PDB file of N, CA and C in Angstrom:
ATOM      1  N   MET A   1       0.344 -38.516  44.597  1.00  0.00           N
ATOM      2  CA  MET A   1       0.322 -38.567  43.162  1.00  0.00           C
ATOM      3  C   MET A   1      -1.022 -38.076  42.633  1.00  0.00           C
ATOM      4  N   GLY A   2      -2.106 -38.487  43.262  1.00  0.00           N
ATOM      5  CA  GLY A   2      -3.419 -38.035  42.861  1.00  0.00           C
ATOM      6  C   GLY A   2      -3.542 -36.529  42.994  1.00  0.00           C
ATOM      7  N   MET A   3      -2.877 -35.959  43.978  1.00  0.00           N
ATOM      8  CA  MET A   3      -2.923 -34.524  44.197  1.00  0.00           C
ATOM      9  C   MET A   3      -2.192 -33.777  43.086  1.00  0.00           C
ATOM     10  N   GLN A   4      -1.090 -34.326  42.607  1.00  0.00           N
ATOM     11  CA  GLN A   4      -0.330 -33.690  41.535  1.00  0.00           C
ATOM     12  C   GLN A   4      -1.147 -33.649  40.244  1.00  0.00           C
ATOM     13  N   LEU A   5      -1.870 -34.714  39.954  1.00  0.00           N
ATOM     14  CA  LEU A   5      -2.690 -34.783  38.748  1.00  0.00           C
ATOM     15  C   LEU A   5      -3.767 -33.696  38.782  1.00  0.00           C
ATOM     16  N   ARG A   6      -4.388 -33.514  39.938  1.00  0.00           N
ATOM     17  CA  ARG A   6      -5.424 -32.502  40.073  1.00  0.00           C
ATOM     18  C   ARG A   6      -4.835 -31.098  39.879  1.00  0.00           C
ATOM     19  N   ASN A   7      -3.676 -30.822  40.389  1.00  0.00           N
ATOM     20  CA  ASN A   7      -3.028 -29.522  40.226  1.00  0.00           C
ATOM     21  C   ASN A   7      -2.681 -29.260  38.768  1.00  0.00           C
ATOM     22  N   ARG A   8      -2.233 -30.283  38.075  1.00  0.00           N
ATOM     23  CA  ARG A   8      -1.894 -30.122  36.661  1.00  0.00           C
ATOM     24  C   ARG A   8      -3.139 -29.759  35.849  1.00  0.00           C
ATOM     25  N   ASN A   9      -4.278 -30.414  36.125  1.00  0.00           N
ATOM     26  CA  ASN A   9      -5.514 -30.106  35.410  1.00  0.00           C
ATOM     27  C   ASN A   9      -5.942 -28.666  35.676  1.00  0.00           C
ATOM     28  N   THR A  10      -5.847 -28.240  36.923  1.00  0.00           N
ATOM     29  CA  THR A  10      -6.228 -26.878  37.274  1.00  0.00           C
ATOM     30  C   THR A  10      -5.303 -25.882  36.590  1.00  0.00           C
ATOM     31  N   ASP A  11      -4.010 -26.171  36.578  1.00  0.00           N
ATOM     32  CA  ASP A  11      -3.049 -25.300  35.903  1.00  0.00           C
ATOM     33  C   ASP A  11      -3.337 -25.244  34.402  1.00  0.00           C
ATOM     34  N   HIS A  12      -3.667 -26.394  33.821  1.00  0.00           N
ATOM     35  CA  HIS A  12      -3.951 -26.475  32.386  1.00  0.00           C
ATOM     36  C   HIS A  12      -5.199 -25.651  32.043  1.00  0.00           C
ATOM     37  N   GLU A  13      -6.259 -25.763  32.860  1.00  0.00           N
ATOM     38  CA  GLU A  13      -7.488 -25.000  32.621  1.00  0.00           C
ATOM     39  C   GLU A  13      -7.223 -23.504  32.755  1.00  0.00           C
ATOM     40  N   ALA A  14      -6.457 -23.121  33.743  1.00  0.00           N
ATOM     41  CA  ALA A  14      -6.146 -21.709  33.967  1.00  0.00           C
ATOM     42  C   ALA A  14      -5.328 -21.150  32.809  1.00  0.00           C
ATOM     43  N   SER A  15      -4.438 -21.950  32.244  1.00  0.00           N
ATOM     44  CA  SER A  15      -3.606 -21.457  31.152  1.00  0.00           C
ATOM     45  C   SER A  15      -4.412 -21.308  29.863  1.00  0.00           C
ATOM     46  N   GLN A  16      -5.551 -22.007  29.744  1.00  0.00           N
ATOM     47  CA  GLN A  16      -6.374 -21.903  28.536  1.00  0.00           C
ATOM     48  C   GLN A  16      -7.330 -20.719  28.589  1.00  0.00           C
ATOM     49  N   GLU A  17      -7.586 -20.163  29.755  1.00  0.00           N
ATOM     50  CA  GLU A  17      -8.453 -18.994  29.867  1.00  0.00           C
ATOM     51  C   GLU A  17      -7.698 -17.762  29.387  1.00  0.00           C
ATOM     52  N   LEU A  18      -8.396 -16.902  28.659  1.00  0.00           N
ATOM     53  CA  LEU A  18      -7.766 -15.680  28.159  1.00  0.00           C
ATOM     54  C   LEU A  18      -7.804 -14.600  29.225  1.00  0.00           C
ATOM     55  N   PRO A  19      -6.802 -13.767  29.251  1.00  0.00           N
ATOM     56  CA  PRO A  19      -6.857 -12.620  30.156  1.00  0.00           C
ATOM     57  C   PRO A  19      -7.995 -11.687  29.729  1.00  0.00           C
ATOM     58  N   ALA A  20      -8.465 -10.892  30.650  1.00  0.00           N
ATOM     59  CA  ALA A  20      -9.594  -9.992  30.374  1.00  0.00           C
ATOM     60  C   ALA A  20      -9.272  -9.045  29.223  1.00  0.00           C
ATOM     61  N   TRP A  21      -8.057  -8.519  29.178  1.00  0.00           N
ATOM     62  CA  TRP A  21      -7.693  -7.583  28.117  1.00  0.00           C
ATOM     63  C   TRP A  21      -7.730  -8.254  26.748  1.00  0.00           C
ATOM     64  N   ALA A  22      -7.355  -9.549  26.699  1.00  0.00           N
ATOM     65  CA  ALA A  22      -7.367 -10.272  25.424  1.00  0.00           C
ATOM     66  C   ALA A  22      -8.803 -10.506  24.960  1.00  0.00           C
ATOM     67  N   SER A  23      -9.684 -10.833  25.897  1.00  0.00           N
ATOM     68  CA  SER A  23     -11.097 -11.027  25.544  1.00  0.00           C
ATOM     69  C   SER A  23     -11.704  -9.736  24.998  1.00  0.00           C
ATOM     70  N   LEU A  24     -11.404  -8.610  25.656  1.00  0.00           N
ATOM     71  CA  LEU A  24     -11.905  -7.319  25.175  1.00  0.00           C
ATOM     72  C   LEU A  24     -11.342  -6.980  23.796  1.00  0.00           C
ATOM     73  N   LEU A  25     -10.079  -7.269  23.602  1.00  0.00           N
ATOM     74  CA  LEU A  25      -9.440  -7.014  22.312  1.00  0.00           C
ATOM     75  C   LEU A  25     -10.102  -7.831  21.202  1.00  0.00           C
ATOM     76  N   ILE A  26     -10.393  -9.079  21.488  1.00  0.00           N
ATOM     77  CA  ILE A  26     -11.047  -9.949  20.505  1.00  0.00           C
ATOM     78  C   ILE A  26     -12.453  -9.444  20.195  1.00  0.00           C
ATOM     79  N   LYS A  27     -13.187  -9.020  21.228  1.00  0.00           N
ATOM     80  CA  LYS A  27     -14.538  -8.483  21.006  1.00  0.00           C
ATOM     81  C   LYS A  27     -14.489  -7.233  20.131  1.00  0.00           C
ATOM     82  N   LYS A  28     -13.548  -6.335  20.420  1.00  0.00           N
ATOM     83  CA  LYS A  28     -13.398  -5.117  19.616  1.00  0.00           C
ATOM     84  C   LYS A  28     -13.041  -5.467  18.173  1.00  0.00           C
ATOM     85  N   PHE A  29     -12.154  -6.419  18.010  1.00  0.00           N
ATOM     86  CA  PHE A  29     -11.752  -6.837  16.664  1.00  0.00           C
ATOM     87  C   PHE A  29     -12.936  -7.430  15.909  1.00  0.00           C
ATOM     88  N   ASP A  30     -13.727  -8.268  16.580  1.00  0.00           N
ATOM     89  CA  ASP A  30     -14.910  -8.855  15.936  1.00  0.00           C
ATOM     90  C   ASP A  30     -15.880  -7.761  15.494  1.00  0.00           C
ATOM     91  N   SER A  31     -16.086  -6.774  16.349  1.00  0.00           N
ATOM     92  CA  SER A  31     -16.980  -5.666  16.016  1.00  0.00           C
ATOM     93  C   SER A  31     -16.439  -4.882  14.821  1.00  0.00           C
ATOM     94  N   TYR A  32     -15.154  -4.578  14.856  1.00  0.00           N
ATOM     95  CA  TYR A  32     -14.514  -3.849  13.757  1.00  0.00           C
ATOM     96  C   TYR A  32     -14.580  -4.654  12.463  1.00  0.00           C
ATOM     97  N   SER A  33     -14.330  -5.932  12.553  1.00  0.00           N
ATOM     98  CA  SER A  33     -14.356  -6.817  11.388  1.00  0.00           C
ATOM     99  C   SER A  33     -15.748  -6.860  10.759  1.00  0.00           C
ATOM    100  N   ALA A  34     -16.773  -6.989  11.586  1.00  0.00           N
ATOM    101  CA  ALA A  34     -18.153  -7.024  11.080  1.00  0.00           C
ATOM    102  C   ALA A  34     -18.514  -5.692  10.423  1.00  0.00           C
ATOM    103  N   SER A  35     -18.104  -4.596  11.039  1.00  0.00           N
ATOM    104  CA  SER A  35     -18.375  -3.270  10.477  1.00  0.00           C
ATOM    105  C   SER A  35     -17.678  -3.094   9.130  1.00  0.00           C
ATOM    106  N   THR A  36     -16.444  -3.515   9.042  1.00  0.00           N
ATOM    107  CA  THR A  36     -15.692  -3.428   7.786  1.00  0.00           C
ATOM    108  C   THR A  36     -16.334  -4.280   6.705  1.00  0.00           C
ATOM    109  N   GLU A  37     -16.765  -5.466   7.072  1.00  0.00           N
ATOM    110  CA  GLU A  37     -17.408  -6.358   6.104  1.00  0.00           C
ATOM    111  C   GLU A  37     -18.701  -5.740   5.568  1.00  0.00           C
ATOM    112  N   ARG A  38     -19.514  -5.159   6.458  1.00  0.00           N
ATOM    113  CA  ARG A  38     -20.754  -4.498   6.019  1.00  0.00           C
ATOM    114  C   ARG A  38     -20.440  -3.344   5.077  1.00  0.00           C
ATOM    115  N   SER A  39     -19.447  -2.565   5.432  1.00  0.00           N
ATOM    116  CA  SER A  39     -19.063  -1.413   4.617  1.00  0.00           C
ATOM    117  C   SER A  39     -18.600  -1.850   3.228  1.00  0.00           C
ATOM    118  N   LEU A  40     -17.785  -2.878   3.179  1.00  0.00           N
ATOM    119  CA  LEU A  40     -17.305  -3.379   1.885  1.00  0.00           C
ATOM    120  C   LEU A  40     -18.446  -3.928   1.042  1.00  0.00           C
ATOM    121  N   THR A  41     -19.364  -4.637   1.675  1.00  0.00           N
ATOM    122  CA  THR A  41     -20.509  -5.195   0.949  1.00  0.00           C
ATOM    123  C   THR A  41     -21.337  -4.076   0.331  1.00  0.00           C
ATOM    124  N   LEU A  42     -21.614  -3.032   1.113  1.00  0.00           N
ATOM    125  CA  LEU A  42     -22.380  -1.894   0.590  1.00  0.00           C
ATOM    126  C   LEU A  42     -21.636  -1.200  -0.549  1.00  0.00           C
ATOM    127  N   THR A  43     -20.328  -1.053  -0.392  1.00  0.00           N
ATOM    128  CA  THR A  43     -19.523  -0.408  -1.429  1.00  0.00           C
ATOM    129  C   THR A  43     -19.564  -1.207  -2.720  1.00  0.00           C
ATOM    130  N   PHE A  44     -19.394  -2.528  -2.618  1.00  0.00           N
ATOM    131  CA  PHE A  44     -19.423  -3.364  -3.822  1.00  0.00           C
ATOM    132  C   PHE A  44     -20.801  -3.346  -4.471  1.00  0.00           C
ATOM    133  N   ASP A  45     -21.860  -3.321  -3.660  1.00  0.00           N
ATOM    134  CA  ASP A  45     -23.213  -3.238  -4.218  1.00  0.00           C
ATOM    135  C   ASP A  45     -23.396  -1.935  -4.989  1.00  0.00           C
ATOM    136  N   ARG A  46     -22.900  -0.835  -4.412  1.00  0.00           N
ATOM    137  CA  ARG A  46     -23.004   0.459  -5.096  1.00  0.00           C
ATOM    138  C   ARG A  46     -22.184   0.454  -6.378  1.00  0.00           C
ATOM    139  N   GLN A  47     -21.001  -0.150  -6.327  1.00  0.00           N
ATOM    140  CA  GLN A  47     -20.162  -0.208  -7.525  1.00  0.00           C
ATOM    141  C   GLN A  47     -20.848  -1.014  -8.620  1.00  0.00           C
ATOM    142  N   ASN A  48     -21.494  -2.113  -8.245  1.00  0.00           N
ATOM    143  CA  ASN A  48     -22.196  -2.926  -9.235  1.00  0.00           C
ATOM    144  C   ASN A  48     -23.332  -2.139  -9.870  1.00  0.00           C
ATOM    145  N   SER A  49     -24.067  -1.387  -9.062  1.00  0.00           N
ATOM    146  CA  SER A  49     -25.159  -0.564  -9.592  1.00  0.00           C
ATOM    147  C   SER A  49     -24.621   0.519 -10.520  1.00  0.00           C
ATOM    148  N   LEU A  50     -23.542   1.150 -10.106  1.00  0.00           N
ATOM    149  CA  LEU A  50     -22.934   2.192 -10.927  1.00  0.00           C
ATOM    150  C   LEU A  50     -22.424   1.614 -12.238  1.00  0.00           C
ATOM    151  N   TYR A  51     -21.782   0.455 -12.172  1.00  0.00           N
ATOM    152  CA  TYR A  51     -21.270  -0.196 -13.373  1.00  0.00           C
ATOM    153  C   TYR A  51     -22.419  -0.519 -14.328  1.00  0.00           C
ATOM    154  N   SER A  52     -23.523  -1.036 -13.799  1.00  0.00           N
ATOM    155  CA  SER A  52     -24.687  -1.356 -14.631  1.00  0.00           C
ATOM    156  C   SER A  52     -25.234  -0.102 -15.305  1.00  0.00           C
ATOM    157  N   ALA A  53     -25.296   0.993 -14.559  1.00  0.00           N
ATOM    158  CA  ALA A  53     -25.794   2.246 -15.132  1.00  0.00           C
ATOM    159  C   ALA A  53     -24.872   2.745 -16.239  1.00  0.00           C
ATOM    160  N   ILE A  54     -23.573   2.647 -16.021  1.00  0.00           N
ATOM    161  CA  ILE A  54     -22.609   3.092 -17.037  1.00  0.00           C
ATOM    162  C   ILE A  54     -22.744   2.257 -18.302  1.00  0.00           C
ATOM    163  N   ILE A  55     -22.881   0.947 -18.150  1.00  0.00           N
ATOM    164  CA  ILE A  55     -23.039   0.064 -19.308  1.00  0.00           C
ATOM    165  C   ILE A  55     -24.310   0.431 -20.072  1.00  0.00           C
ATOM    166  N   LYS A  56     -25.395   0.704 -19.345  1.00  0.00           N
ATOM    167  CA  LYS A  56     -26.664   1.080 -19.991  1.00  0.00           C
ATOM    168  C   LYS A  56     -26.507   2.383 -20.757  1.00  0.00           C
ATOM    169  N   VAL A  57     -25.852   3.369 -20.153  1.00  0.00           N
ATOM    170  CA  VAL A  57     -25.645   4.658 -20.822  1.00  0.00           C
ATOM    171  C   VAL A  57     -24.809   4.465 -22.080  1.00  0.00           C
ATOM    172  N   ARG A  58     -23.754   3.663 -21.983  1.00  0.00           N
ATOM    173  CA  ARG A  58     -22.918   3.414 -23.166  1.00  0.00           C
ATOM    174  C   ARG A  58     -23.710   2.725 -24.266  1.00  0.00           C
ATOM    175  N   ALA A  59     -24.534   1.759 -23.895  1.00  0.00           N
ATOM    176  CA  ALA A  59     -25.352   1.058 -24.889  1.00  0.00           C
ATOM    177  C   ALA A  59     -26.325   2.031 -25.545  1.00  0.00           C
ATOM    178  N   ASP A  60     -26.957   2.877 -24.730  1.00  0.00           N
ATOM    179  CA  ASP A  60     -27.880   3.875 -25.282  1.00  0.00           C
ATOM    180  C   ASP A  60     -27.145   4.856 -26.187  1.00  0.00           C
ATOM    181  N   THR A  61     -25.953   5.258 -25.776  1.00  0.00           N
ATOM    182  CA  THR A  61     -25.154   6.176 -26.590  1.00  0.00           C
ATOM    183  C   THR A  61     -24.838   5.549 -27.940  1.00  0.00           C
ATOM    184  N   ASN A  62     -24.475   4.264 -27.918  1.00  0.00           N
ATOM    185  CA  ASN A  62     -24.184   3.575 -29.179  1.00  0.00           C
ATOM    186  C   ASN A  62     -25.415   3.526 -30.076  1.00  0.00           C
ATOM    187  N   LYS A  63     -26.579   3.275 -29.494  1.00  0.00           N
ATOM    188  CA  LYS A  63     -27.817   3.243 -30.284  1.00  0.00           C
ATOM    189  C   LYS A  63     -28.103   4.612 -30.893  1.00  0.00           C
ATOM    190  N   ILE A  64     -27.951   5.651 -30.082  1.00  0.00           N
ATOM    191  CA  ILE A  64     -28.205   7.007 -30.574  1.00  0.00           C
ATOM    192  C   ILE A  64     -27.212   7.368 -31.668  1.00  0.00           C
ATOM    193  N   ASP A  65     -25.938   7.036 -31.461  1.00  0.00           N
ATOM    194  CA  ASP A  65     -24.930   7.312 -32.492  1.00  0.00           C
ATOM    195  C   ASP A  65     -25.268   6.600 -33.795  1.00  0.00           C
ATOM    196  N   GLU A  66     -25.694   5.356 -33.676  1.00  0.00           N
ATOM    197  CA  GLU A  66     -26.067   4.586 -34.866  1.00  0.00           C
ATOM    198  C   GLU A  66     -27.243   5.245 -35.586  1.00  0.00           C
ATOM    199  N   LYS A  67     -28.241   5.670 -34.830  1.00  0.00           N
ATOM    200  CA  LYS A  67     -29.395   6.339 -35.447  1.00  0.00           C
ATOM    201  C   LYS A  67     -28.986   7.666 -36.073  1.00  0.00           C
ATOM    202  N   MET A  68     -28.076   8.388 -35.421  1.00  0.00           N
ATOM    203  CA  MET A  68     -27.620   9.661 -35.983  1.00  0.00           C
ATOM    204  C   MET A  68     -26.890   9.438 -37.302  1.00  0.00           C
ATOM    205  N   ARG A  69     -26.085   8.381 -37.377  1.00  0.00           N
ATOM    206  CA  ARG A  69     -25.402   8.073 -38.639  1.00  0.00           C
ATOM    207  C   ARG A  69     -26.417   7.737 -39.718  1.00  0.00           C
ATOM    208  N   THR A  70     -27.436   6.981 -39.341  1.00  0.00           N
ATOM    209  CA  THR A  70     -28.483   6.631 -40.297  1.00  0.00           C
ATOM    210  C   THR A  70     -29.199   7.884 -40.771  1.00  0.00           C
ATOM    211  N   ILE A  71     -29.511   8.767 -39.846  1.00  0.00           N
ATOM    212  CA  ILE A  71     -30.185  10.015 -40.204  1.00  0.00           C
ATOM    213  C   ILE A  71     -29.288  10.847 -41.116  1.00  0.00           C
ATOM    214  N   ALA A  72     -28.010  10.885 -40.796  1.00  0.00           N
ATOM    215  CA  ALA A  72     -27.094  11.653 -41.631  1.00  0.00           C
ATOM    216  C   ALA A  72     -27.085  11.105 -43.055  1.00  0.00           C
ATOM    217  N   TRP A  73     -27.096   9.793 -43.200  1.00  0.00           N
ATOM    218  CA  TRP A  73     -27.104   9.199 -44.539  1.00  0.00           C
ATOM    219  C   TRP A  73     -28.417   9.481 -45.246  1.00  0.00           C
ATOM    220  N   VAL A  74     -29.509   9.328 -44.523  1.00  0.00           N
ATOM    221  CA  VAL A  74     -30.815   9.582 -45.129  1.00  0.00           C
ATOM    222  C   VAL A  74     -30.955  11.064 -45.443  1.00  0.00           C
ATOM    223  N   GLY A  75     -30.442  11.925 -44.577  1.00  0.00           N
ATOM    224  CA  GLY A  75     -30.565  13.367 -44.748  1.00  0.00           C
ATOM    225  C   GLY A  75     -29.746  13.927 -45.892  1.00  0.00           C
ATOM    226  N   ILE A  76     -28.841  13.141 -46.453  1.00  0.00           N
ATOM    227  CA  ILE A  76     -28.023  13.622 -47.562  1.00  0.00           C
ATOM    228  C   ILE A  76     -28.897  13.942 -48.780  1.00  0.00           C
ATOM    229  N   LYS A  77     -29.897  13.132 -48.984  1.00  0.00           N
ATOM    230  CA  LYS A  77     -30.776  13.350 -50.135  1.00  0.00           C
ATOM    231  C   LYS A  77     -31.519  14.674 -49.956  1.00  0.00           C
ATOM    232  N   GLU A  78     -31.504  15.490 -50.986  1.00  0.00           N
ATOM    233  CA  GLU A  78     -32.165  16.793 -50.946  1.00  0.00           C
ATOM    234  C   GLU A  78     -33.674  16.629 -51.047  1.00  0.00           C
ATOM    235  N   MET A  79     -34.379  17.414 -50.266  1.00  0.00           N
ATOM    236  CA  MET A  79     -35.830  17.462 -50.364  1.00  0.00           C
ATOM    237  C   MET A  79     -36.199  18.534 -51.393  1.00  0.00           C
ATOM    238  N   ARG A  80     -37.461  18.570 -51.761  1.00  0.00           N
ATOM    239  CA  ARG A  80     -37.875  19.499 -52.827  1.00  0.00           C
ATOM    240  C   ARG A  80     -37.791  20.966 -52.416  1.00  0.00           C
ATOM    241  N   ASP A  81     -37.990  21.236 -51.079  1.00  0.00           N
ATOM    242  CA  ASP A  81     -37.849  22.622 -50.608  1.00  0.00           C
ATOM    243  C   ASP A  81     -37.419  22.620 -49.139  1.00  0.00           C
ATOM    244  N   GLU A  82     -37.154  23.822 -48.623  1.00  0.00           N
ATOM    245  CA  GLU A  82     -36.642  23.944 -47.249  1.00  0.00           C
ATOM    246  C   GLU A  82     -37.668  23.497 -46.212  1.00  0.00           C
ATOM    247  N   GLU A  83     -38.913  23.792 -46.432  1.00  0.00           N
ATOM    248  CA  GLU A  83     -39.975  23.405 -45.492  1.00  0.00           C
ATOM    249  C   GLU A  83     -40.071  21.885 -45.381  1.00  0.00           C
ATOM    250  N   THR A  84     -40.021  21.205 -46.495  1.00  0.00           N
ATOM    251  CA  THR A  84     -40.067  19.740 -46.497  1.00  0.00           C
ATOM    252  C   THR A  84     -38.842  19.177 -45.779  1.00  0.00           C
ATOM    253  N   THR A  85     -37.697  19.782 -45.998  1.00  0.00           N
ATOM    254  CA  THR A  85     -36.464  19.341 -45.334  1.00  0.00           C
ATOM    255  C   THR A  85     -36.590  19.513 -43.820  1.00  0.00           C
ATOM    256  N   LYS A  86     -37.128  20.635 -43.360  1.00  0.00           N
ATOM    257  CA  LYS A  86     -37.307  20.871 -41.920  1.00  0.00           C
ATOM    258  C   LYS A  86     -38.246  19.840 -41.301  1.00  0.00           C
ATOM    259  N   ARG A  87     -39.356  19.557 -42.006  1.00  0.00           N
ATOM    260  CA  ARG A  87     -40.296  18.541 -41.495  1.00  0.00           C
ATOM    261  C   ARG A  87     -39.625  17.178 -41.414  1.00  0.00           C
ATOM    262  N   PHE A  88     -38.879  16.847 -42.454  1.00  0.00           N
ATOM    263  CA  PHE A  88     -38.179  15.567 -42.472  1.00  0.00           C
ATOM    264  C   PHE A  88     -37.175  15.491 -41.317  1.00  0.00           C
ATOM    265  N   ASP A  89     -36.405  16.553 -41.139  1.00  0.00           N
ATOM    266  CA  ASP A  89     -35.411  16.580 -40.057  1.00  0.00           C
ATOM    267  C   ASP A  89     -36.079  16.448 -38.691  1.00  0.00           C
ATOM    268  N   LYS A  90     -37.218  17.109 -38.515  1.00  0.00           N
ATOM    269  CA  LYS A  90     -37.940  17.036 -37.246  1.00  0.00           C
ATOM    270  C   LYS A  90     -38.398  15.604 -36.974  1.00  0.00           C
ATOM    271  N   GLU A  91     -38.924  14.934 -37.979  1.00  0.00           N
ATOM    272  CA  GLU A  91     -39.348  13.539 -37.827  1.00  0.00           C
ATOM    273  C   GLU A  91     -38.146  12.631 -37.545  1.00  0.00           C
ATOM    274  N   ALA A  92     -37.039  12.924 -38.186  1.00  0.00           N
ATOM    275  CA  ALA A  92     -35.828  12.123 -37.974  1.00  0.00           C
ATOM    276  C   ALA A  92     -35.345  12.252 -36.534  1.00  0.00           C
ATOM    277  N   VAL A  93     -35.405  13.463 -35.992  1.00  0.00           N
ATOM    278  CA  VAL A  93     -34.993  13.679 -34.599  1.00  0.00           C
ATOM    279  C   VAL A  93     -35.929  12.933 -33.657  1.00  0.00           C
ATOM    280  N   LYS A  94     -37.225  12.909 -33.952  1.00  0.00           N
ATOM    281  CA  LYS A  94     -38.177  12.153 -33.129  1.00  0.00           C
ATOM    282  C   LYS A  94     -37.809  10.672 -33.099  1.00  0.00           C
ATOM    283  N   GLU A  95     -37.355  10.148 -34.215  1.00  0.00           N
ATOM    284  CA  GLU A  95     -36.939   8.738 -34.282  1.00  0.00           C
ATOM    285  C   GLU A  95     -35.779   8.460 -33.330  1.00  0.00           C
ATOM    286  N   VAL A  96     -34.854   9.387 -33.287  1.00  0.00           N
ATOM    287  CA  VAL A  96     -33.678   9.210 -32.423  1.00  0.00           C
ATOM    288  C   VAL A  96     -34.090   9.210 -30.964  1.00  0.00           C
ATOM    289  N   ILE A  97     -34.959  10.124 -30.621  1.00  0.00           N
ATOM    290  CA  ILE A  97     -35.375  10.260 -29.228  1.00  0.00           C
ATOM    291  C   ILE A  97     -36.310   9.138 -28.885  1.00  0.00           C
TER     292      ILE A  97
END
C-alpha cells in the first residue's frame, strides 16, 4: 500500500510538468505579448502627443480667426489716405502674428 501511494505522487508530479514544446510555446507567447504591449504603449503615447498638437493648432487657429474678424471690423473705418490705411493694416497684421 505504501508503494502505491508513492507511485501516485510520482505520477501526479509528472502529469503537472509541461512538455518541452509547451514550455517553448509559452516563452514565445510571453515574448510576443511583451513586444505587443510595448508597441501599443508607444503608439498610444504618440497618439496622445499628436492629439495635443492638433488641439493646440485648433486653439491657435480660433484665436487667429477671432483676431482677423476684429481686424476686419476695425478695418472697415476709412483712413484719411491710402498710406495711413497701409500703415494701419501692417500694424493690424503684426497684432495677429
